[in-house]
N, C-alpha and C. Protein backbone atom coordinates (compact mmCIF):
# COMPACT_ATOMS: atom_id res chain seq x y z
N MET A 1 16.79 1.00 -7.99
CA MET A 1 16.09 0.15 -7.04
C MET A 1 15.53 1.01 -5.90
N LEU A 2 14.37 0.64 -5.45
CA LEU A 2 13.64 1.41 -4.44
C LEU A 2 14.38 1.46 -3.10
N LYS A 3 15.00 0.36 -2.73
CA LYS A 3 15.73 0.33 -1.46
C LYS A 3 16.89 1.34 -1.49
N ALA A 4 17.57 1.41 -2.61
CA ALA A 4 18.68 2.37 -2.75
C ALA A 4 18.16 3.81 -2.68
N LYS A 5 16.98 4.03 -3.24
CA LYS A 5 16.36 5.37 -3.18
C LYS A 5 16.07 5.75 -1.72
N ILE A 6 15.61 4.80 -0.94
CA ILE A 6 15.32 5.05 0.48
C ILE A 6 16.60 5.38 1.22
N GLU A 7 17.65 4.60 0.95
CA GLU A 7 18.94 4.85 1.60
C GLU A 7 19.47 6.24 1.24
N GLU A 8 19.31 6.62 -0.01
CA GLU A 8 19.76 7.94 -0.45
C GLU A 8 18.96 9.05 0.25
N GLN A 9 17.66 8.85 0.39
CA GLN A 9 16.83 9.86 1.06
C GLN A 9 17.14 9.95 2.55
N ILE A 10 17.61 8.86 3.14
CA ILE A 10 18.04 8.90 4.54
C ILE A 10 19.23 9.86 4.67
N LYS A 11 20.18 9.74 3.73
CA LYS A 11 21.35 10.64 3.74
C LYS A 11 20.93 12.09 3.58
N GLU A 12 19.98 12.33 2.66
CA GLU A 12 19.49 13.70 2.44
C GLU A 12 18.78 14.25 3.69
N ALA A 13 18.00 13.40 4.34
CA ALA A 13 17.29 13.83 5.56
C ALA A 13 18.28 14.14 6.68
N LEU A 14 19.36 13.37 6.74
CA LEU A 14 20.40 13.64 7.73
C LEU A 14 21.03 15.01 7.48
N LYS A 15 21.34 15.28 6.22
CA LYS A 15 21.97 16.56 5.86
C LYS A 15 21.05 17.74 6.11
N SER A 16 19.77 17.56 5.81
CA SER A 16 18.83 18.68 5.95
C SER A 16 18.30 18.83 7.38
N GLY A 17 18.51 17.82 8.21
CA GLY A 17 18.04 17.89 9.59
C GLY A 17 16.55 17.62 9.75
N ASP A 18 15.94 16.96 8.77
CA ASP A 18 14.51 16.63 8.81
C ASP A 18 14.32 15.37 9.67
N SER A 19 14.08 15.58 10.95
CA SER A 19 14.05 14.44 11.89
C SER A 19 12.85 13.51 11.67
N ILE A 20 11.70 14.06 11.32
CA ILE A 20 10.51 13.21 11.10
C ILE A 20 10.74 12.30 9.90
N ARG A 21 11.18 12.90 8.80
CA ARG A 21 11.46 12.12 7.58
C ARG A 21 12.54 11.07 7.86
N LEU A 22 13.55 11.47 8.59
CA LEU A 22 14.66 10.57 8.90
C LEU A 22 14.16 9.36 9.70
N SER A 23 13.35 9.59 10.71
CA SER A 23 12.87 8.47 11.54
C SER A 23 11.96 7.54 10.73
N VAL A 24 11.11 8.11 9.88
CA VAL A 24 10.22 7.29 9.05
C VAL A 24 11.05 6.42 8.09
N LEU A 25 12.03 7.03 7.45
CA LEU A 25 12.85 6.30 6.49
C LEU A 25 13.70 5.22 7.17
N ARG A 26 14.22 5.54 8.34
CA ARG A 26 15.01 4.53 9.07
C ARG A 26 14.12 3.36 9.49
N PHE A 27 12.92 3.67 9.96
CA PHE A 27 11.99 2.61 10.36
C PHE A 27 11.61 1.75 9.15
N LEU A 28 11.40 2.40 8.01
CA LEU A 28 11.06 1.68 6.78
C LEU A 28 12.21 0.79 6.34
N LEU A 29 13.43 1.31 6.38
CA LEU A 29 14.60 0.52 6.01
C LEU A 29 14.76 -0.67 6.95
N SER A 30 14.50 -0.47 8.22
CA SER A 30 14.56 -1.55 9.20
C SER A 30 13.52 -2.64 8.86
N ALA A 31 12.32 -2.21 8.51
CA ALA A 31 11.27 -3.18 8.14
C ALA A 31 11.66 -3.95 6.88
N ILE A 32 12.31 -3.27 5.93
CA ILE A 32 12.77 -3.93 4.70
C ILE A 32 13.84 -4.96 5.04
N LYS A 33 14.77 -4.59 5.92
CA LYS A 33 15.82 -5.54 6.32
C LYS A 33 15.24 -6.74 7.06
N ASN A 34 14.22 -6.51 7.88
CA ASN A 34 13.55 -7.63 8.55
C ASN A 34 12.90 -8.56 7.54
N GLU A 35 12.33 -7.97 6.49
CA GLU A 35 11.72 -8.76 5.41
C GLU A 35 12.78 -9.60 4.70
N GLU A 36 13.95 -8.99 4.45
CA GLU A 36 15.04 -9.72 3.81
C GLU A 36 15.51 -10.89 4.67
N ILE A 37 15.59 -10.67 5.97
CA ILE A 37 16.00 -11.73 6.89
C ILE A 37 14.97 -12.86 6.88
N ALA A 38 13.69 -12.49 6.90
CA ALA A 38 12.63 -13.49 6.90
C ALA A 38 12.62 -14.31 5.61
N LYS A 39 12.83 -13.64 4.48
CA LYS A 39 12.80 -14.34 3.19
C LYS A 39 14.16 -14.92 2.81
N GLN A 40 15.20 -14.53 3.53
CA GLN A 40 16.57 -14.97 3.27
C GLN A 40 17.02 -14.67 1.85
N LYS A 41 16.62 -13.48 1.40
CA LYS A 41 17.08 -13.00 0.09
C LYS A 41 16.99 -11.48 0.06
N GLU A 42 17.74 -10.89 -0.85
CA GLU A 42 17.73 -9.45 -1.02
C GLU A 42 16.34 -9.00 -1.49
N ALA A 43 15.84 -7.93 -0.92
CA ALA A 43 14.50 -7.44 -1.28
C ALA A 43 14.55 -6.76 -2.64
N ASP A 44 13.64 -7.17 -3.53
CA ASP A 44 13.51 -6.47 -4.80
C ASP A 44 12.44 -5.39 -4.65
N ASP A 45 12.19 -4.66 -5.71
CA ASP A 45 11.23 -3.55 -5.62
C ASP A 45 9.84 -4.02 -5.21
N GLU A 46 9.44 -5.20 -5.66
CA GLU A 46 8.12 -5.73 -5.31
C GLU A 46 8.01 -5.98 -3.80
N ASP A 47 9.09 -6.51 -3.21
CA ASP A 47 9.12 -6.74 -1.77
C ASP A 47 9.07 -5.41 -1.01
N VAL A 48 9.81 -4.42 -1.50
CA VAL A 48 9.85 -3.11 -0.86
C VAL A 48 8.47 -2.47 -0.90
N VAL A 49 7.79 -2.56 -2.04
CA VAL A 49 6.44 -1.99 -2.16
C VAL A 49 5.49 -2.68 -1.17
N ALA A 50 5.63 -4.00 -1.01
CA ALA A 50 4.78 -4.73 -0.06
C ALA A 50 5.03 -4.24 1.37
N VAL A 51 6.29 -4.00 1.71
CA VAL A 51 6.62 -3.50 3.05
C VAL A 51 6.04 -2.10 3.24
N VAL A 52 6.18 -1.25 2.22
CA VAL A 52 5.65 0.11 2.29
C VAL A 52 4.14 0.07 2.47
N GLN A 53 3.47 -0.82 1.75
CA GLN A 53 2.02 -0.93 1.87
C GLN A 53 1.61 -1.36 3.28
N ARG A 54 2.36 -2.29 3.87
CA ARG A 54 2.06 -2.69 5.25
C ARG A 54 2.24 -1.52 6.20
N GLN A 55 3.30 -0.74 6.00
CA GLN A 55 3.54 0.42 6.85
C GLN A 55 2.42 1.45 6.71
N ILE A 56 1.96 1.64 5.49
CA ILE A 56 0.87 2.59 5.23
C ILE A 56 -0.40 2.10 5.92
N LYS A 57 -0.67 0.82 5.81
CA LYS A 57 -1.87 0.26 6.45
C LYS A 57 -1.80 0.48 7.97
N GLN A 58 -0.64 0.25 8.55
CA GLN A 58 -0.48 0.47 9.99
C GLN A 58 -0.72 1.93 10.35
N ARG A 59 -0.20 2.85 9.53
CA ARG A 59 -0.37 4.28 9.80
C ARG A 59 -1.85 4.66 9.73
N LYS A 60 -2.56 4.14 8.74
CA LYS A 60 -3.98 4.46 8.60
C LYS A 60 -4.77 3.95 9.80
N GLU A 61 -4.44 2.75 10.27
CA GLU A 61 -5.12 2.20 11.45
C GLU A 61 -4.81 3.04 12.68
N SER A 62 -3.56 3.49 12.80
CA SER A 62 -3.16 4.33 13.94
C SER A 62 -3.89 5.67 13.91
N ILE A 63 -3.99 6.25 12.72
CA ILE A 63 -4.68 7.54 12.58
C ILE A 63 -6.12 7.40 13.05
N GLU A 64 -6.77 6.33 12.61
CA GLU A 64 -8.17 6.10 12.99
C GLU A 64 -8.29 5.93 14.52
N SER A 65 -7.38 5.17 15.10
CA SER A 65 -7.41 4.95 16.56
C SER A 65 -7.17 6.25 17.31
N TYR A 66 -6.20 7.03 16.86
CA TYR A 66 -5.89 8.29 17.54
C TYR A 66 -7.06 9.27 17.45
N ARG A 67 -7.72 9.29 16.31
CA ARG A 67 -8.86 10.19 16.17
C ARG A 67 -10.00 9.78 17.10
N LYS A 68 -10.24 8.48 17.21
CA LYS A 68 -11.29 7.99 18.11
C LYS A 68 -10.97 8.33 19.56
N ALA A 69 -9.68 8.34 19.88
CA ALA A 69 -9.25 8.63 21.24
C ALA A 69 -9.10 10.14 21.48
N GLY A 70 -9.33 10.94 20.43
CA GLY A 70 -9.24 12.39 20.58
C GLY A 70 -7.82 12.91 20.61
N ARG A 71 -6.88 12.15 20.08
CA ARG A 71 -5.47 12.56 20.07
C ARG A 71 -5.09 13.11 18.70
N LYS A 72 -5.53 14.33 18.41
CA LYS A 72 -5.28 14.93 17.11
C LYS A 72 -3.79 15.14 16.85
N ASP A 73 -3.02 15.42 17.91
CA ASP A 73 -1.59 15.63 17.75
C ASP A 73 -0.89 14.38 17.20
N LEU A 74 -1.23 13.23 17.76
CA LEU A 74 -0.63 11.98 17.29
C LEU A 74 -1.16 11.60 15.91
N ALA A 75 -2.43 11.89 15.66
CA ALA A 75 -3.00 11.61 14.34
C ALA A 75 -2.29 12.43 13.27
N GLN A 76 -1.99 13.69 13.56
CA GLN A 76 -1.28 14.54 12.60
C GLN A 76 0.13 14.03 12.34
N LYS A 77 0.79 13.54 13.38
CA LYS A 77 2.14 12.99 13.23
C LYS A 77 2.09 11.77 12.30
N GLU A 78 1.11 10.90 12.52
CA GLU A 78 0.96 9.70 11.69
C GLU A 78 0.63 10.09 10.24
N GLU A 79 -0.18 11.14 10.05
CA GLU A 79 -0.52 11.59 8.70
C GLU A 79 0.72 12.11 7.98
N ALA A 80 1.60 12.80 8.71
CA ALA A 80 2.84 13.28 8.11
C ALA A 80 3.71 12.10 7.68
N GLU A 81 3.76 11.07 8.52
CA GLU A 81 4.52 9.87 8.18
C GLU A 81 3.90 9.16 6.99
N LEU A 82 2.58 9.13 6.95
CA LEU A 82 1.86 8.50 5.84
C LEU A 82 2.19 9.18 4.52
N THR A 83 2.27 10.50 4.54
CA THR A 83 2.61 11.26 3.33
C THR A 83 4.00 10.87 2.83
N ILE A 84 4.93 10.72 3.75
CA ILE A 84 6.29 10.33 3.37
C ILE A 84 6.29 8.94 2.76
N LEU A 85 5.59 8.01 3.38
CA LEU A 85 5.55 6.63 2.89
C LEU A 85 4.89 6.54 1.51
N ASN A 86 3.87 7.35 1.27
CA ASN A 86 3.17 7.30 -0.01
C ASN A 86 4.07 7.65 -1.19
N THR A 87 5.17 8.36 -0.94
CA THR A 87 6.07 8.72 -2.05
C THR A 87 6.79 7.51 -2.62
N PHE A 88 6.78 6.39 -1.88
CA PHE A 88 7.49 5.20 -2.35
C PHE A 88 6.59 4.19 -3.05
N LEU A 89 5.32 4.50 -3.15
CA LEU A 89 4.40 3.61 -3.86
C LEU A 89 4.36 3.98 -5.34
N PRO A 90 4.12 2.99 -6.20
CA PRO A 90 3.93 3.33 -7.61
C PRO A 90 2.65 4.15 -7.78
N GLN A 91 2.52 4.81 -8.92
CA GLN A 91 1.33 5.61 -9.21
C GLN A 91 0.09 4.73 -9.02
N GLN A 92 -0.84 5.20 -8.19
CA GLN A 92 -2.05 4.43 -7.89
C GLN A 92 -3.07 4.57 -9.01
N LEU A 93 -3.80 3.49 -9.27
CA LEU A 93 -4.85 3.50 -10.29
C LEU A 93 -6.07 4.26 -9.77
N SER A 94 -6.76 4.92 -10.67
CA SER A 94 -7.99 5.61 -10.29
C SER A 94 -9.10 4.58 -10.13
N GLU A 95 -10.21 5.00 -9.51
CA GLU A 95 -11.34 4.07 -9.34
C GLU A 95 -11.88 3.62 -10.69
N ASP A 96 -11.91 4.54 -11.67
CA ASP A 96 -12.40 4.17 -13.00
C ASP A 96 -11.53 3.10 -13.64
N GLU A 97 -10.21 3.22 -13.47
CA GLU A 97 -9.29 2.22 -14.03
C GLU A 97 -9.50 0.88 -13.36
N VAL A 98 -9.72 0.89 -12.05
CA VAL A 98 -9.97 -0.36 -11.31
C VAL A 98 -11.29 -0.97 -11.77
N LYS A 99 -12.32 -0.14 -11.97
CA LYS A 99 -13.62 -0.64 -12.44
C LYS A 99 -13.46 -1.33 -13.79
N LYS A 100 -12.66 -0.74 -14.66
CA LYS A 100 -12.43 -1.31 -15.99
C LYS A 100 -11.76 -2.68 -15.86
N ILE A 101 -10.77 -2.78 -14.98
CA ILE A 101 -10.06 -4.05 -14.77
C ILE A 101 -11.01 -5.10 -14.19
N VAL A 102 -11.85 -4.69 -13.24
CA VAL A 102 -12.82 -5.62 -12.64
C VAL A 102 -13.74 -6.18 -13.72
N GLU A 103 -14.26 -5.30 -14.58
CA GLU A 103 -15.16 -5.75 -15.65
C GLU A 103 -14.44 -6.68 -16.63
N GLU A 104 -13.19 -6.36 -16.97
CA GLU A 104 -12.41 -7.23 -17.86
C GLU A 104 -12.25 -8.62 -17.26
N ILE A 105 -11.89 -8.66 -16.00
CA ILE A 105 -11.66 -9.94 -15.34
C ILE A 105 -12.95 -10.73 -15.22
N ARG A 106 -14.04 -10.05 -14.88
CA ARG A 106 -15.33 -10.77 -14.77
C ARG A 106 -15.73 -11.35 -16.12
N SER A 107 -15.41 -10.66 -17.23
CA SER A 107 -15.76 -11.19 -18.55
C SER A 107 -14.85 -12.37 -18.93
N GLU A 108 -13.63 -12.40 -18.37
CA GLU A 108 -12.70 -13.49 -18.66
C GLU A 108 -13.00 -14.76 -17.86
N LEU A 109 -13.61 -14.60 -16.68
CA LEU A 109 -13.88 -15.75 -15.82
C LEU A 109 -15.07 -16.56 -16.32
N SER A 110 -15.12 -17.82 -15.91
CA SER A 110 -16.24 -18.69 -16.31
C SER A 110 -17.52 -18.20 -15.64
N GLU A 111 -18.65 -18.70 -16.12
CA GLU A 111 -19.97 -18.28 -15.65
C GLU A 111 -20.11 -18.45 -14.13
N THR A 112 -19.60 -19.55 -13.59
CA THR A 112 -19.73 -19.79 -12.15
C THR A 112 -18.76 -18.94 -11.34
N GLU A 113 -17.60 -18.65 -11.90
CA GLU A 113 -16.58 -17.89 -11.16
C GLU A 113 -16.80 -16.38 -11.18
N LYS A 114 -17.45 -15.87 -12.21
CA LYS A 114 -17.54 -14.41 -12.33
C LYS A 114 -18.43 -13.76 -11.28
N ASN A 115 -19.24 -14.53 -10.56
CA ASN A 115 -20.05 -13.99 -9.47
C ASN A 115 -19.51 -14.41 -8.10
N ASN A 116 -18.32 -15.00 -8.08
CA ASN A 116 -17.67 -15.41 -6.84
C ASN A 116 -16.72 -14.30 -6.40
N PHE A 117 -17.04 -13.65 -5.29
CA PHE A 117 -16.25 -12.51 -4.81
C PHE A 117 -14.78 -12.87 -4.66
N GLY A 118 -14.48 -14.02 -4.05
CA GLY A 118 -13.10 -14.42 -3.81
C GLY A 118 -12.31 -14.60 -5.09
N LYS A 119 -12.91 -15.24 -6.08
CA LYS A 119 -12.22 -15.48 -7.35
C LYS A 119 -11.94 -14.16 -8.07
N VAL A 120 -12.97 -13.30 -8.12
CA VAL A 120 -12.81 -12.01 -8.80
C VAL A 120 -11.76 -11.17 -8.08
N MET A 121 -11.87 -11.13 -6.77
CA MET A 121 -10.95 -10.32 -5.95
C MET A 121 -9.50 -10.77 -6.13
N SER A 122 -9.26 -12.09 -6.09
CA SER A 122 -7.88 -12.57 -6.22
C SER A 122 -7.33 -12.29 -7.61
N ALA A 123 -8.16 -12.40 -8.64
CA ALA A 123 -7.71 -12.12 -10.00
C ALA A 123 -7.39 -10.63 -10.18
N VAL A 124 -8.26 -9.78 -9.63
CA VAL A 124 -8.03 -8.33 -9.74
C VAL A 124 -6.78 -7.93 -8.97
N MET A 125 -6.63 -8.41 -7.75
CA MET A 125 -5.47 -8.05 -6.94
C MET A 125 -4.17 -8.53 -7.59
N GLY A 126 -4.23 -9.66 -8.27
CA GLY A 126 -3.05 -10.15 -8.99
C GLY A 126 -2.65 -9.20 -10.10
N ARG A 127 -3.62 -8.59 -10.71
CA ARG A 127 -3.34 -7.67 -11.82
C ARG A 127 -2.95 -6.26 -11.35
N VAL A 128 -3.52 -5.80 -10.25
CA VAL A 128 -3.25 -4.42 -9.80
C VAL A 128 -2.27 -4.36 -8.63
N LYS A 129 -1.62 -5.46 -8.34
CA LYS A 129 -0.73 -5.56 -7.18
C LYS A 129 0.14 -4.32 -7.00
N GLY A 130 -0.03 -3.67 -5.86
CA GLY A 130 0.77 -2.50 -5.53
C GLY A 130 0.30 -1.20 -6.16
N LYS A 131 -0.66 -1.29 -7.08
CA LYS A 131 -1.11 -0.08 -7.78
C LYS A 131 -2.48 0.38 -7.33
N ALA A 132 -3.12 -0.37 -6.44
CA ALA A 132 -4.44 0.02 -5.95
C ALA A 132 -4.63 -0.50 -4.53
N ASP A 133 -5.32 0.27 -3.74
CA ASP A 133 -5.62 -0.10 -2.36
C ASP A 133 -6.64 -1.23 -2.35
N GLY A 134 -6.37 -2.27 -1.57
CA GLY A 134 -7.25 -3.43 -1.50
C GLY A 134 -8.66 -3.09 -1.07
N ASN A 135 -8.81 -2.10 -0.18
CA ASN A 135 -10.15 -1.71 0.27
C ASN A 135 -10.96 -1.12 -0.88
N ILE A 136 -10.33 -0.32 -1.71
CA ILE A 136 -11.00 0.29 -2.86
C ILE A 136 -11.39 -0.80 -3.85
N VAL A 137 -10.46 -1.74 -4.09
CA VAL A 137 -10.75 -2.84 -5.02
C VAL A 137 -11.93 -3.66 -4.50
N ALA A 138 -11.93 -3.97 -3.21
CA ALA A 138 -13.03 -4.77 -2.63
C ALA A 138 -14.36 -4.05 -2.80
N LYS A 139 -14.36 -2.74 -2.55
CA LYS A 139 -15.59 -1.96 -2.70
C LYS A 139 -16.10 -2.01 -4.14
N ILE A 140 -15.20 -1.85 -5.10
CA ILE A 140 -15.59 -1.86 -6.51
C ILE A 140 -16.08 -3.24 -6.93
N VAL A 141 -15.41 -4.30 -6.47
CA VAL A 141 -15.84 -5.67 -6.80
C VAL A 141 -17.24 -5.92 -6.24
N LYS A 142 -17.47 -5.51 -5.00
CA LYS A 142 -18.80 -5.69 -4.39
C LYS A 142 -19.87 -4.95 -5.19
N GLU A 143 -19.56 -3.71 -5.58
CA GLU A 143 -20.51 -2.94 -6.38
C GLU A 143 -20.80 -3.64 -7.70
N SER A 144 -19.76 -4.15 -8.33
CA SER A 144 -19.92 -4.83 -9.61
C SER A 144 -20.77 -6.09 -9.47
N LEU A 145 -20.53 -6.85 -8.40
CA LEU A 145 -21.29 -8.08 -8.18
C LEU A 145 -22.75 -7.79 -7.83
N SER A 146 -22.99 -6.68 -7.14
CA SER A 146 -24.36 -6.35 -6.73
C SER A 146 -25.20 -5.82 -7.89
N GLN A 147 -24.53 -5.38 -8.97
CA GLN A 147 -25.28 -4.85 -10.12
C GLN A 147 -25.90 -5.95 -10.96
N ASP A 148 -25.37 -7.16 -10.82
CA ASP A 148 -25.92 -8.27 -11.62
C ASP A 148 -27.13 -8.89 -10.97
């Protein structure tokens, strides 16, 4: 289970004295526990991946803000944290694989639905959940819809 892997890596970070990794993992575990409290159930791997994705999204937004503000030091810190968080995501699909899935889904949908961005997007995200970044999927869906 992913949560157990995180707990184990916290112990390893403590032993090795890796303070950045330790703080990221502790913060992640805290976010997972908050998720468990909110849902009133033990987090499974799918829940953990969702929490990790939210943390990654926050880090990316922070990096962008820090760069705009000229704070390269803070942006680098966030990038280091982002690298650590990315290790807990499943293998991400390539853009070509996402394009293939988009085309499959558009061929499966009815004539009226296959040109509806929302319908295509929700079907694709249901299939690639946790394996592809939503921004990349949205870009590919838009490209696919604009080609028709």
